[in-house]
Protein backbone atom coordinates (compact mmCIF):
# COMPACT_ATOMS: atom_id res chain seq x y z
CA LEU A 1 21.47 9.59 14.95
CA GLN A 2 18.13 10.23 16.67
CA GLY A 3 16.48 10.68 13.24
CA ALA A 4 17.73 7.26 12.14
CA ILE A 5 16.43 5.66 15.33
CA LEU A 6 12.99 7.24 14.86
CA ALA A 7 12.89 6.05 11.24
CA GLU A 8 13.19 2.41 12.33
CA GLU A 9 9.64 2.56 13.73
CA LYS A 10 8.06 4.40 10.78
CA VAL A 11 7.26 3.74 7.13
CA GLY A 12 6.15 5.95 4.27
CA LEU A 13 2.87 5.29 2.52
CA LYS A 14 1.76 6.59 -0.89
CA MET A 15 -1.52 5.95 -2.66
CA ASN A 16 -3.86 7.28 -5.32
CA VAL A 17 -7.41 8.22 -4.37
CA GLU A 18 -10.43 9.57 -6.19
CA GLU A 19 -11.34 12.97 -4.78
CA LYS A 20 -14.78 11.65 -3.80
CA ASN A 21 -13.02 9.23 -1.36
CA LEU A 22 -10.43 11.70 -0.08
CA ASN A 23 -12.10 12.61 3.23
CA LYS A 24 -12.76 8.94 4.07
CA ILE A 25 -9.12 8.03 3.47
CA ILE A 26 -7.75 10.99 5.42
CA SER A 27 -9.99 10.17 8.38
CA ILE A 28 -8.47 6.69 8.76
CA LEU A 29 -4.83 7.70 8.16
CA PRO A 30 -2.71 8.12 11.27
CA ALA A 31 -0.07 10.71 10.35
CA ILE A 32 2.81 12.47 12.07
CA LYS A 33 1.18 15.80 11.17
CA ASN A 34 -1.01 15.97 8.08
CA PRO A 35 -0.68 13.92 4.90
CA THR A 36 0.65 15.51 1.72
CA ILE A 37 -2.03 15.67 -0.97
CA SER A 38 -1.14 16.30 -4.63
CA ARG A 39 -3.45 16.54 -7.62
CA LEU A 40 -2.86 13.95 -10.35
CA SER A 41 -2.98 14.61 -14.09
CA LYS A 42 -6.22 12.62 -14.33
CA LYS A 43 -9.09 14.88 -13.30
CA GLY A 44 -10.77 13.89 -10.04
CA TRP A 45 -7.77 12.01 -8.65
CA CYS A 46 -5.07 12.84 -6.11
CA ALA A 47 -2.04 11.24 -4.50
CA ILE A 48 -1.65 11.02 -0.74
CA GLU A 49 1.68 10.56 1.03
CA THR A 50 2.17 10.15 4.77
CA ILE A 51 4.45 8.71 7.43
CA ILE A 52 2.97 6.18 9.87
CA ASP A 53 4.05 3.73 12.55
CA GLU A 54 5.18 0.46 11.01
CA SER A 55 3.16 -1.41 13.63
CA VAL A 56 -0.17 -0.27 12.11
CA VAL A 57 0.52 -0.59 8.39
CA ARG A 58 -0.43 -4.27 8.09
CA ASN A 59 -3.97 -3.62 9.38
CA LEU A 60 -4.29 -0.23 7.72
CA ILE A 61 -3.69 -1.19 4.07
CA PRO A 62 -6.83 -3.39 3.76
CA LYS A 63 -8.93 -0.54 5.24
CA LEU A 64 -7.43 1.90 2.74
CA LYS A 65 -8.26 -0.44 -0.16
CA GLN A 66 -11.83 -0.94 1.12
CA ASN A 67 -12.28 2.83 1.14
CA GLY A 68 -11.04 3.40 -2.40
CA ALA A 69 -7.25 3.78 -2.22
CA GLN A 70 -5.35 2.36 -5.20
CA GLY A 71 -1.69 1.89 -6.11
CA ILE A 72 -0.65 1.73 -2.46
CA ILE A 73 3.12 1.83 -1.93
CA GLU A 74 4.85 1.21 1.41
CA TYR A 75 8.50 2.22 1.69
CA PRO A 76 11.18 2.29 4.43
CA LEU A 77 12.60 5.53 5.82
CA ASN A 78 16.23 6.43 6.50
CA LYS A 79 15.64 9.36 8.86
CA VAL A 80 12.75 11.21 10.49
CA ILE A 81 13.68 14.70 11.65
CA TYR A 82 11.11 16.80 13.51
């Protein structure tokens, strides 16, 4: 039950980023711990996934785009278990 309550205040965020912009993007991402970073099949690109407070996502997405993030996906969470 507590995990479902915590999830109401959070959203998931996924995006693609060129490796040259990776440090910029990570520095502006508020995350529960650290974002997950996966290499993409296209050389020089990676995917970032993180969980953030829903209250900051509206202002964060334009900053991510300005710093090179592409294909940004925001999604709801069912549970957050620490």
